[in-house]
Amino acid sequence: MIINDVHRGIRKNKKRRRIGRGIGSGHGKTAGRGHKGQGSRAGSSNHPTFQGGAMPLVRRIPKRGFNNRWALRVAVVNLGQIDKVFEAGEEVTLDALTARNLAKGHFDLLKVLGDGELTKQLDIAAHRFSRSAVHKIEKAGGKTVVLPGKTPVEVKKRQRRAEKRAEKRAE
């Protein structure tokens, strides 16, 4: 092999096909659409899952369960993990947990679970706590701070309407 043969015939940017520009273009007459048939006609398109009239794979595979698009994503942290990372007397907040890589990714709520032992006195702030976690935190002399969750859109709408009514009454 000759070293300058390695890249011969390889182009960095592929030239786009200029269709319908006459016979000399190499894509003349039928413009790469073949003769007759569905795909040759103007405006023809078919569904991405279309398989020539056969039952599409998408419809052949059985569907199971339900995926709730509006479900809240809950991040989970165990007391054992918190005990390893934090020192006694520290405040455990959402920012502190994400900084120490315990609460990873995007989430709506944080829940503390009672897996593992807590040997230090810590003030832990989260949206939810399991019953065993609350018991272990209080046993170690710490405190639990329940953070407010996301306010549903309907509740926000109700609050706005109430505020507007209050403004009208004040006028």
C-alpha atoms as a PDB file:
ATOM      1  CA  MET A   1       0.000   0.000   0.000  1.00  0.00           C
ATOM      2  CA  ILE A   2       1.160   3.489  -0.817  1.00  0.00           C
ATOM      3  CA  ILE A   3       0.482   6.055   1.927  1.00  0.00           C
ATOM      4  CA  ASN A   4      -1.059   8.611  -0.445  1.00  0.00           C
ATOM      5  CA  ASP A   5      -3.594   5.973  -1.655  1.00  0.00           C
ATOM      6  CA  VAL A   6      -5.270   5.832   1.758  1.00  0.00           C
ATOM      7  CA  HIS A   7      -7.594   8.786   1.217  1.00  0.00           C
ATOM      8  CA  ARG A   8      -7.948   8.566  -2.555  1.00  0.00           C
ATOM      9  CA  GLY A   9     -11.577   8.868  -3.668  1.00  0.00           C
ATOM     10  CA  ILE A  10     -12.791   9.933  -0.219  1.00  0.00           C
ATOM     11  CA  ARG A  11     -14.318  13.386  -0.157  1.00  0.00           C
ATOM     12  CA  LYS A  12     -14.936  15.286   3.057  1.00  0.00           C
ATOM     13  CA  ASN A  13     -18.180  16.913   1.886  1.00  0.00           C
ATOM     14  CA  LYS A  14     -20.483  14.969  -0.421  1.00  0.00           C
ATOM     15  CA  LYS A  15     -21.898  17.040  -3.264  1.00  0.00           C
ATOM     16  CA  ARG A  16     -25.700  17.263  -3.207  1.00  0.00           C
ATOM     17  CA  ARG A  17     -27.739  15.580  -5.983  1.00  0.00           C
ATOM     18  CA  ARG A  18     -29.048  18.192  -8.422  1.00  0.00           C
ATOM     19  CA  ILE A  19     -32.249  16.530  -9.586  1.00  0.00           C
ATOM     20  CA  GLY A  20     -34.267  17.546 -12.637  1.00  0.00           C
ATOM     21  CA  ARG A  21     -31.450  19.455 -14.351  1.00  0.00           C
ATOM     22  CA  GLY A  22     -31.434  17.555 -17.636  1.00  0.00           C
ATOM     23  CA  ILE A  23     -29.792  14.437 -19.063  1.00  0.00           C
ATOM     24  CA  GLY A  24     -26.241  15.782 -18.689  1.00  0.00           C
ATOM     25  CA  SER A  25     -26.569  15.944 -14.898  1.00  0.00           C
ATOM     26  CA  GLY A  26     -26.650  12.158 -14.557  1.00  0.00           C
ATOM     27  CA  HIS A  27     -30.049  12.437 -12.853  1.00  0.00           C
ATOM     28  CA  GLY A  28     -32.057  13.385 -15.897  1.00  0.00           C
ATOM     29  CA  LYS A  29     -35.364  12.076 -17.309  1.00  0.00           C
ATOM     30  CA  THR A  30     -36.847  10.214 -14.306  1.00  0.00           C
ATOM     31  CA  ALA A  31     -34.625  12.094 -11.788  1.00  0.00           C
ATOM     32  CA  GLY A  32     -33.744   8.979  -9.778  1.00  0.00           C
ATOM     33  CA  ARG A  33     -37.400   8.009  -9.229  1.00  0.00           C
ATOM     34  CA  GLY A  34     -37.487   5.008 -11.588  1.00  0.00           C
ATOM     35  CA  HIS A  35     -40.334   4.293 -14.015  1.00  0.00           C
ATOM     36  CA  LYS A  36     -44.016   4.601 -13.063  1.00  0.00           C
ATOM     37  CA  GLY A  37     -45.148   3.362  -9.647  1.00  0.00           C
ATOM     38  CA  GLN A  38     -46.181   5.147  -6.464  1.00  0.00           C
ATOM     39  CA  GLY A  39     -42.831   6.759  -5.652  1.00  0.00           C
ATOM     40  CA  SER A  40     -42.452   8.243  -9.134  1.00  0.00           C
ATOM     41  CA  ARG A  41     -45.462  10.553  -8.828  1.00  0.00           C
ATOM     42  CA  ALA A  42     -45.276  14.123  -7.563  1.00  0.00           C
ATOM     43  CA  GLY A  43     -46.495  14.602  -4.004  1.00  0.00           C
ATOM     44  CA  SER A  44     -46.141  10.939  -3.114  1.00  0.00           C
ATOM     45  CA  SER A  45     -45.183  10.112   0.452  1.00  0.00           C
ATOM     46  CA  ASN A  46     -45.891   7.231   2.770  1.00  0.00           C
ATOM     47  CA  HIS A  47     -45.925   6.723   6.506  1.00  0.00           C
ATOM     48  CA  PRO A  48     -42.507   6.069   8.150  1.00  0.00           C
ATOM     49  CA  THR A  49     -43.741   2.678   9.414  1.00  0.00           C
ATOM     50  CA  PHE A  50     -45.208   1.616   6.033  1.00  0.00           C
ATOM     51  CA  GLN A  51     -43.946  -1.822   4.981  1.00  0.00           C
ATOM     52  CA  GLY A  52     -45.402  -2.359   1.532  1.00  0.00           C
ATOM     53  CA  GLY A  53     -48.849  -3.326   2.744  1.00  0.00           C
ATOM     54  CA  ALA A  54     -47.592  -5.882   5.303  1.00  0.00           C
ATOM     55  CA  MET A  55     -48.689  -5.423   8.922  1.00  0.00           C
ATOM     56  CA  PRO A  56     -46.095  -2.929  10.249  1.00  0.00           C
ATOM     57  CA  LEU A  57     -43.699  -4.040  12.988  1.00  0.00           C
ATOM     58  CA  VAL A  58     -45.004  -1.206  15.169  1.00  0.00           C
ATOM     59  CA  ARG A  59     -48.478  -2.787  15.101  1.00  0.00           C
ATOM     60  CA  ARG A  60     -47.291  -6.418  15.326  1.00  0.00           C
ATOM     61  CA  ILE A  61     -45.544  -5.944  18.678  1.00  0.00           C
ATOM     62  CA  PRO A  62     -47.847  -6.159  21.722  1.00  0.00           C
ATOM     63  CA  LYS A  63     -48.166  -3.093  23.901  1.00  0.00           C
ATOM     64  CA  ARG A  64     -47.839  -3.395  27.670  1.00  0.00           C
ATOM     65  CA  GLY A  65     -48.466  -0.966  30.500  1.00  0.00           C
ATOM     66  CA  PHE A  66     -48.838   2.780  30.568  1.00  0.00           C
ATOM     67  CA  ASN A  67     -46.265   5.563  30.547  1.00  0.00           C
ATOM     68  CA  ASN A  68     -47.486   8.634  32.394  1.00  0.00           C
ATOM     69  CA  ARG A  69     -46.005  11.689  30.673  1.00  0.00           C
ATOM     70  CA  TRP A  70     -46.973  13.969  33.554  1.00  0.00           C
ATOM     71  CA  ALA A  71     -45.655  11.841  36.409  1.00  0.00           C
ATOM     72  CA  LEU A  72     -43.207  13.567  38.731  1.00  0.00           C
ATOM     73  CA  ARG A  73     -39.615  12.306  38.573  1.00  0.00           C
ATOM     74  CA  VAL A  74     -38.529  11.384  42.083  1.00  0.00           C
ATOM     75  CA  ALA A  75     -34.820  11.198  42.951  1.00  0.00           C
ATOM     76  CA  VAL A  76     -33.974   8.838  45.809  1.00  0.00           C
ATOM     77  CA  VAL A  77     -31.187   9.135  48.410  1.00  0.00           C
ATOM     78  CA  ASN A  78     -30.537   6.650  51.216  1.00  0.00           C
ATOM     79  CA  LEU A  79     -29.521   7.635  54.750  1.00  0.00           C
ATOM     80  CA  GLY A  80     -26.456   5.384  54.480  1.00  0.00           C
ATOM     81  CA  GLN A  81     -25.194   7.460  51.537  1.00  0.00           C
ATOM     82  CA  ILE A  82     -25.835  10.729  53.385  1.00  0.00           C
ATOM     83  CA  ASP A  83     -24.018   9.415  56.468  1.00  0.00           C
ATOM     84  CA  LYS A  84     -20.876   8.615  54.433  1.00  0.00           C
ATOM     85  CA  VAL A  85     -20.656  12.005  52.701  1.00  0.00           C
ATOM     86  CA  PHE A  86     -21.751  14.586  55.303  1.00  0.00           C
ATOM     87  CA  GLU A  87     -20.105  15.617  58.582  1.00  0.00           C
ATOM     88  CA  ALA A  88     -21.994  15.958  61.892  1.00  0.00           C
ATOM     89  CA  GLY A  89     -23.995  19.184  62.280  1.00  0.00           C
ATOM     90  CA  GLU A  90     -24.068  19.949  58.538  1.00  0.00           C
ATOM     91  CA  GLU A  91     -27.242  20.944  56.734  1.00  0.00           C
ATOM     92  CA  VAL A  92     -28.255  18.526  54.010  1.00  0.00           C
ATOM     93  CA  THR A  93     -29.984  20.503  51.232  1.00  0.00           C
ATOM     94  CA  LEU A  94     -30.798  19.821  47.570  1.00  0.00           C
ATOM     95  CA  ASP A  95     -27.791  21.888  46.471  1.00  0.00           C
ATOM     96  CA  ALA A  96     -25.467  20.071  48.877  1.00  0.00           C
ATOM     97  CA  LEU A  97     -26.701  16.676  47.653  1.00  0.00           C
ATOM     98  CA  THR A  98     -26.278  17.567  43.962  1.00  0.00           C
ATOM     99  CA  ALA A  99     -22.825  19.050  44.658  1.00  0.00           C
ATOM    100  CA  ARG A 100     -21.764  15.773  46.284  1.00  0.00           C
ATOM    101  CA  ASN A 101     -23.303  13.744  43.412  1.00  0.00           C
ATOM    102  CA  LEU A 102     -25.966  11.981  45.500  1.00  0.00           C
ATOM    103  CA  ALA A 103     -29.005  13.469  43.713  1.00  0.00           C
ATOM    104  CA  LYS A 104     -28.189  13.030  40.033  1.00  0.00           C
ATOM    105  CA  GLY A 105     -29.964  14.095  36.848  1.00  0.00           C
ATOM    106  CA  HIS A 106     -33.200  16.018  36.417  1.00  0.00           C
ATOM    107  CA  PHE A 107     -35.871  15.442  39.033  1.00  0.00           C
ATOM    108  CA  ASP A 108     -38.956  17.125  40.427  1.00  0.00           C
ATOM    109  CA  LEU A 109     -38.915  15.722  43.971  1.00  0.00           C
ATOM    110  CA  LEU A 110     -36.284  14.317  46.313  1.00  0.00           C
ATOM    111  CA  LYS A 111     -37.144  11.468  48.652  1.00  0.00           C
ATOM    112  CA  VAL A 112     -34.943  10.294  51.529  1.00  0.00           C
ATOM    113  CA  LEU A 113     -35.168   6.584  52.284  1.00  0.00           C
ATOM    114  CA  GLY A 114     -34.156   4.847  55.517  1.00  0.00           C
ATOM    115  CA  ASP A 115     -31.709   2.335  54.026  1.00  0.00           C
ATOM    116  CA  GLY A 116     -28.456   2.246  56.008  1.00  0.00           C
ATOM    117  CA  GLU A 117     -27.604   3.737  59.394  1.00  0.00           C
ATOM    118  CA  LEU A 118     -27.335   7.393  60.394  1.00  0.00           C
ATOM    119  CA  THR A 119     -24.687   7.984  63.080  1.00  0.00           C
ATOM    120  CA  LYS A 120     -24.467  11.806  62.887  1.00  0.00           C
ATOM    121  CA  GLN A 121     -26.796  14.631  63.866  1.00  0.00           C
ATOM    122  CA  LEU A 122     -27.949  16.169  60.576  1.00  0.00           C
ATOM    123  CA  ASP A 123     -30.690  18.560  59.462  1.00  0.00           C
ATOM    124  CA  ILE A 124     -32.020  17.062  56.232  1.00  0.00           C
ATOM    125  CA  ALA A 125     -34.239  19.013  53.800  1.00  0.00           C
ATOM    126  CA  ALA A 126     -36.174  17.065  51.157  1.00  0.00           C
ATOM    127  CA  HIS A 127     -39.626  16.876  49.569  1.00  0.00           C
ATOM    128  CA  ARG A 128     -40.463  13.448  50.980  1.00  0.00           C
ATOM    129  CA  PHE A 129     -39.205  11.114  53.705  1.00  0.00           C
ATOM    130  CA  SER A 130     -39.950   7.461  54.326  1.00  0.00           C
ATOM    131  CA  ARG A 131     -41.263   6.575  57.789  1.00  0.00           C
ATOM    132  CA  SER A 132     -38.079   4.642  58.646  1.00  0.00           C
ATOM    133  CA  ALA A 133     -35.908   7.592  57.503  1.00  0.00           C
ATOM    134  CA  VAL A 134     -37.777  10.028  59.779  1.00  0.00           C
ATOM    135  CA  HIS A 135     -37.418   7.600  62.696  1.00  0.00           C
ATOM    136  CA  LYS A 136     -33.648   7.159  62.153  1.00  0.00           C
ATOM    137  CA  ILE A 137     -33.006  10.899  61.698  1.00  0.00           C
ATOM    138  CA  GLU A 138     -34.845  11.778  64.919  1.00  0.00           C
ATOM    139  CA  LYS A 139     -33.103   8.903  66.750  1.00  0.00           C
ATOM    140  CA  ALA A 140     -29.710  10.375  65.717  1.00  0.00           C
ATOM    141  CA  GLY A 141     -30.815  13.809  66.998  1.00  0.00           C
ATOM    142  CA  GLY A 142     -31.357  15.444  63.638  1.00  0.00           C
ATOM    143  CA  LYS A 143     -34.293  17.283  62.079  1.00  0.00           C
ATOM    144  CA  THR A 144     -36.354  16.750  58.921  1.00  0.00           C
ATOM    145  CA  VAL A 145     -37.401  19.747  56.832  1.00  0.00           C
ATOM    146  CA  VAL A 146     -40.171  19.048  54.301  1.00  0.00           C
ATOM    147  CA  LEU A 147     -39.779  21.199  51.190  1.00  0.00           C
ATOM    148  CA  PRO A 148     -42.825  22.257  49.147  1.00  0.00           C
ATOM    149  CA  GLY A 149     -43.280  20.344  45.887  1.00  0.00           C
ATOM    150  CA  LYS A 150     -44.248  21.685  42.474  1.00  0.00           C
ATOM    151  CA  THR A 151     -47.516  23.596  42.488  1.00  0.00           C
ATOM    152  CA  PRO A 152     -49.983  22.110  39.958  1.00  0.00           C
ATOM    153  CA  VAL A 153     -51.045  24.432  37.126  1.00  0.00           C
ATOM    154  CA  GLU A 154     -54.712  24.254  38.157  1.00  0.00           C
ATOM    155  CA  VAL A 155     -53.840  25.467  41.659  1.00  0.00           C
ATOM    156  CA  LYS A 156     -51.830  28.372  40.206  1.00  0.00           C
ATOM    157  CA  LYS A 157     -54.783  29.322  37.986  1.00  0.00           C
ATOM    158  CA  ARG A 158     -57.113  29.270  41.008  1.00  0.00           C
ATOM    159  CA  GLN A 159     -54.703  31.477  42.972  1.00  0.00           C
ATOM    160  CA  ARG A 160     -54.473  33.990  40.092  1.00  0.00           C
ATOM    161  CA  ARG A 161     -58.276  34.156  39.802  1.00  0.00           C
ATOM    162  CA  ALA A 162     -58.575  34.733  43.554  1.00  0.00           C
ATOM    163  CA  GLU A 163     -55.965  37.517  43.403  1.00  0.00           C
ATOM    164  CA  LYS A 164     -57.816  39.239  40.548  1.00  0.00           C
ATOM    165  CA  ARG A 165     -61.106  39.036  42.476  1.00  0.00           C
ATOM    166  CA  ALA A 166     -59.407  40.531  45.533  1.00  0.00           C
ATOM    167  CA  GLU A 167     -58.017  43.412  43.416  1.00  0.00           C
ATOM    168  CA  LYS A 168     -61.485  44.145  41.974  1.00  0.00           C
ATOM    169  CA  ARG A 169     -63.006  44.213  45.451  1.00  0.00           C
ATOM    170  CA  ALA A 170     -60.278  46.604  46.636  1.00  0.00           C
ATOM    171  CA  GLU A 171     -61.078  49.081  43.823  1.00  0.00           C
END
